PDB file of N, CA and C in Angstrom:
ATOM      1  N   MET A   1      61.000  47.928  76.723  1.00  0.00           N
ATOM      2  CA  MET A   1      60.690  46.438  77.108  1.00  0.00           C
ATOM      3  C   MET A   1      60.215  45.914  75.763  1.00  0.00           C
ATOM      4  N   GLY A   2      59.316  46.547  74.891  1.00  0.00           N
ATOM      5  CA  GLY A   2      59.436  45.779  73.574  1.00  0.00           C
ATOM      6  C   GLY A   2      60.633  45.774  72.866  1.00  0.00           C
ATOM      7  N   MET A   3      61.190  46.759  72.618  1.00  0.00           N
ATOM      8  CA  MET A   3      62.850  46.873  72.150  1.00  0.00           C
ATOM      9  C   MET A   3      63.704  45.620  72.438  1.00  0.00           C
ATOM     10  N   LYS A   4      63.708  45.419  73.734  1.00  0.00           N
ATOM     11  CA  LYS A   4      64.544  44.131  73.975  1.00  0.00           C
ATOM     12  C   LYS A   4      64.314  43.444  73.564  1.00  0.00           C
ATOM     13  N   LYS A   5      63.139  42.706  73.735  1.00  0.00           N
ATOM     14  CA  LYS A   5      62.289  42.185  73.207  1.00  0.00           C
ATOM     15  C   LYS A   5      62.740  41.518  71.961  1.00  0.00           C
ATOM     16  N   LEU A   6      62.277  42.580  71.016  1.00  0.00           N
ATOM     17  CA  LEU A   6      62.836  42.376  69.732  1.00  0.00           C
ATOM     18  C   LEU A   6      64.096  42.320  69.045  1.00  0.00           C
ATOM     19  N   LEU A   7      65.194  42.921  70.097  1.00  0.00           N
ATOM     20  CA  LEU A   7      66.474  42.473  69.858  1.00  0.00           C
ATOM     21  C   LEU A   7      66.778  41.296  70.290  1.00  0.00           C
ATOM     22  N   THR A   8      66.059  40.639  71.272  1.00  0.00           N
ATOM     23  CA  THR A   8      66.205  39.247  71.426  1.00  0.00           C
ATOM     24  C   THR A   8      65.772  38.047  70.528  1.00  0.00           C
ATOM     25  N   LYS A   9      64.810  38.607  69.848  1.00  0.00           N
ATOM     26  CA  LYS A   9      64.474  37.704  68.772  1.00  0.00           C
ATOM     27  C   LYS A   9      65.373  37.680  67.655  1.00  0.00           C
ATOM     28  N   ILE A  10      65.980  38.998  67.252  1.00  0.00           N
ATOM     29  CA  ILE A  10      66.484  38.801  66.039  1.00  0.00           C
ATOM     30  C   ILE A  10      67.664  38.466  66.333  1.00  0.00           C
ATOM     31  N   SER A  11      68.433  38.327  67.659  1.00  0.00           N
ATOM     32  CA  SER A  11      69.860  37.930  67.657  1.00  0.00           C
ATOM     33  C   SER A  11      69.522  36.474  67.739  1.00  0.00           C
ATOM     34  N   SER A  12      68.274  35.892  68.579  1.00  0.00           N
ATOM     35  CA  SER A  12      68.415  34.327  68.156  1.00  0.00           C
ATOM     36  C   SER A  12      68.184  33.404  66.880  1.00  0.00           C
ATOM     37  N   VAL A  13      67.200  34.633  66.005  1.00  0.00           N
ATOM     38  CA  VAL A  13      67.205  34.117  65.007  1.00  0.00           C
ATOM     39  C   VAL A  13      68.507  34.360  64.046  1.00  0.00           C
ATOM     40  N   ALA A  14      69.199  35.446  64.086  1.00  0.00           N
ATOM     41  CA  ALA A  14      70.672  35.788  63.575  1.00  0.00           C
ATOM     42  C   ALA A  14      71.912  34.421  64.316  1.00  0.00           C
ATOM     43  N   PHE A  15      71.481  33.828  65.222  1.00  0.00           N
ATOM     44  CA  PHE A  15      72.433  32.974  66.019  1.00  0.00           C
ATOM     45  C   PHE A  15      71.764  31.801  65.051  1.00  0.00           C
ATOM     46  N   LEU A  16      70.938  31.289  64.620  1.00  0.00           N
ATOM     47  CA  LEU A  16      70.409  30.050  64.184  1.00  0.00           C
ATOM     48  C   LEU A  16      71.050  29.917  63.102  1.00  0.00           C
ATOM     49  N   ILE A  17      70.638  31.151  62.263  1.00  0.00           N
ATOM     50  CA  ILE A  17      71.098  31.153  60.845  1.00  0.00           C
ATOM     51  C   ILE A  17      72.696  30.848  60.763  1.00  0.00           C
ATOM     52  N   HIS A  18      73.689  31.988  61.873  1.00  0.00           N
ATOM     53  CA  HIS A  18      75.127  31.661  61.833  1.00  0.00           C
ATOM     54  C   HIS A  18      74.915  29.932  62.173  1.00  0.00           C
ATOM     55  N   ARG A  19      74.624  29.402  62.740  1.00  0.00           N
ATOM     56  CA  ARG A  19      74.873  28.225  63.316  1.00  0.00           C
ATOM     57  C   ARG A  19      74.457  27.266  61.807  1.00  0.00           C
ATOM     58  N   PHE A  20      73.392  27.681  61.011  1.00  0.00           N
ATOM     59  CA  PHE A  20      72.979  26.928  59.690  1.00  0.00           C
ATOM     60  C   PHE A  20      74.267  26.855  59.241  1.00  0.00           C
ATOM     61  N   HIS A  21      74.824  27.885  58.377  1.00  0.00           N
ATOM     62  CA  HIS A  21      75.612  28.318  57.841  1.00  0.00           C
ATOM     63  C   HIS A  21      76.847  27.519  58.182  1.00  0.00           C
ATOM     64  N   ALA A  22      77.250  27.944  59.456  1.00  0.00           N
ATOM     65  CA  ALA A  22      78.611  27.012  59.695  1.00  0.00           C
ATOM     66  C   ALA A  22      78.561  25.408  59.631  1.00  0.00           C
ATOM     67  N   HIS A  23      77.509  24.667  59.394  1.00  0.00           N
ATOM     68  CA  HIS A  23      77.530  23.540  58.839  1.00  0.00           C
ATOM     69  C   HIS A  23      77.354  23.164  57.326  1.00  0.00           C
ATOM     70  N   VAL A  24      76.651  24.624  56.412  1.00  0.00           N
ATOM     71  CA  VAL A  24      76.330  24.354  55.541  1.00  0.00           C
ATOM     72  C   VAL A  24      77.549  24.713  54.659  1.00  0.00           C
ATOM     73  N   GLY A  25      78.515  25.957  54.888  1.00  0.00           N
ATOM     74  CA  GLY A  25      79.604  26.099  54.295  1.00  0.00           C
ATOM     75  C   GLY A  25      79.274  27.557  54.056  1.00  0.00           C
ATOM     76  N   ARG A  26      80.429  28.219  53.862  1.00  0.00           N
ATOM     77  CA  ARG A  26      80.349  29.625  53.320  1.00  0.00           C
ATOM     78  C   ARG A  26      80.512  29.995  51.613  1.00  0.00           C
ATOM     79  N   ILE A  27      80.164  28.701  50.924  1.00  0.00           N
ATOM     80  CA  ILE A  27      79.699  28.655  49.678  1.00  0.00           C
ATOM     81  C   ILE A  27      78.449  29.238  49.354  1.00  0.00           C
ATOM     82  N   GLU A  28      77.373  28.807  49.793  1.00  0.00           N
ATOM     83  CA  GLU A  28      76.168  28.994  50.165  1.00  0.00           C
ATOM     84  C   GLU A  28      75.597  30.051  50.853  1.00  0.00           C
ATOM     85  N   LEU A  29      76.972  30.748  51.630  1.00  0.00           N
ATOM     86  CA  LEU A  29      76.329  31.733  52.234  1.00  0.00           C
ATOM     87  C   LEU A  29      76.723  33.201  51.305  1.00  0.00           C
ATOM     88  N   MET A  30      77.453  33.005  50.179  1.00  0.00           N
ATOM     89  CA  MET A  30      77.546  33.938  49.348  1.00  0.00           C
ATOM     90  C   MET A  30      76.655  34.103  48.343  1.00  0.00           C
ATOM     91  N   GLU A  31      75.734  33.158  48.364  1.00  0.00           N
ATOM     92  CA  GLU A  31      74.557  33.122  47.545  1.00  0.00           C
ATOM     93  C   GLU A  31      73.403  33.680  48.241  1.00  0.00           C
ATOM     94  N   PHE A  32      73.560  33.865  49.517  1.00  0.00           N
ATOM     95  CA  PHE A  32      72.372  34.552  49.879  1.00  0.00           C
ATOM     96  C   PHE A  32      72.667  35.944  50.789  1.00  0.00           C
ATOM     97  N   PRO A  33      72.695  37.071  50.116  1.00  0.00           N
ATOM     98  CA  PRO A  33      73.002  38.318  50.263  1.00  0.00           C
ATOM     99  C   PRO A  33      72.265  38.465  51.442  1.00  0.00           C
ATOM    100  N   SER A  34      70.923  38.466  51.321  1.00  0.00           N
ATOM    101  CA  SER A  34      69.965  38.716  52.517  1.00  0.00           C
ATOM    102  C   SER A  34      70.421  38.155  53.912  1.00  0.00           C
ATOM    103  N   VAL A  35      70.810  37.326  53.397  1.00  0.00           N
ATOM    104  CA  VAL A  35      70.996  36.596  55.083  1.00  0.00           C
ATOM    105  C   VAL A  35      72.114  36.864  55.630  1.00  0.00           C
ATOM    106  N   THR A  36      73.648  37.784  54.406  1.00  0.00           N
ATOM    107  CA  THR A  36      74.464  38.161  55.353  1.00  0.00           C
ATOM    108  C   THR A  36      74.288  39.503  55.622  1.00  0.00           C
ATOM    109  N   PHE A  37      73.071  40.399  54.872  1.00  0.00           N
ATOM    110  CA  PHE A  37      73.075  41.295  55.136  1.00  0.00           C
ATOM    111  C   PHE A  37      72.523  41.640  56.890  1.00  0.00           C
ATOM    112  N   LEU A  38      71.504  40.350  57.111  1.00  0.00           N
ATOM    113  CA  LEU A  38      70.680  40.254  58.780  1.00  0.00           C
ATOM    114  C   LEU A  38      71.956  40.212  59.210  1.00  0.00           C
ATOM    115  N   MET A  39      73.169  39.447  58.990  1.00  0.00           N
ATOM    116  CA  MET A  39      73.993  39.322  60.323  1.00  0.00           C
ATOM    117  C   MET A  39      74.921  40.206  60.201  1.00  0.00           C
ATOM    118  N   SER A  40      74.817  41.166  59.497  1.00  0.00           N
ATOM    119  CA  SER A  40      75.829  42.348  59.795  1.00  0.00           C
ATOM    120  C   SER A  40      74.978  43.343  60.144  1.00  0.00           C
ATOM    121  N   VAL A  41      73.700  43.247  60.571  1.00  0.00           N
ATOM    122  CA  VAL A  41      72.899  44.239  60.842  1.00  0.00           C
ATOM    123  C   VAL A  41      72.884  43.795  62.600  1.00  0.00           C
ATOM    124  N   SER A  42      72.794  42.399  62.551  1.00  0.00           N
ATOM    125  CA  SER A  42      72.974  41.969  64.101  1.00  0.00           C
ATOM    126  C   SER A  42      74.288  42.088  64.507  1.00  0.00           C
ATOM    127  N   ASN A  43      75.463  41.772  63.765  1.00  0.00           N
ATOM    128  CA  ASN A  43      76.464  41.999  64.279  1.00  0.00           C
ATOM    129  C   ASN A  43      76.938  43.671  64.844  1.00  0.00           C
ATOM    130  N   PHE A  44      76.198  44.717  64.033  1.00  0.00           N
ATOM    131  CA  PHE A  44      76.328  45.685  64.342  1.00  0.00           C
ATOM    132  C   PHE A  44      75.559  46.456  65.464  1.00  0.00           C
ATOM    133  N   LEU A  45      74.343  45.954  65.704  1.00  0.00           N
ATOM    134  CA  LEU A  45      73.453  45.825  67.107  1.00  0.00           C
ATOM    135  C   LEU A  45      74.187  45.377  68.473  1.00  0.00           C
ATOM    136  N   PHE A  46      75.069  44.477  68.120  1.00  0.00           N
ATOM    137  CA  PHE A  46      75.573  44.085  69.197  1.00  0.00           C
ATOM    138  C   PHE A  46      77.440  44.583  69.586  1.00  0.00           C
ATOM    139  N   ILE A  47      77.954  45.569  68.802  1.00  0.00           N
ATOM    140  CA  ILE A  47      79.047  46.149  68.553  1.00  0.00           C
ATOM    141  C   ILE A  47      78.494  47.274  69.726  1.00  0.00           C
TER     142      ILE A  47
END
């Protein structure tokens, strides 16, 4: 139960970050390796 809640929270955060970067652009994304790492982790969770 707690794990599913955590995954939902992570996915919503990753989605918000993704939306933000869709607006800002790819150049900014390259400057934040921690964000790209978070997104790759979230992608891994949903495969």
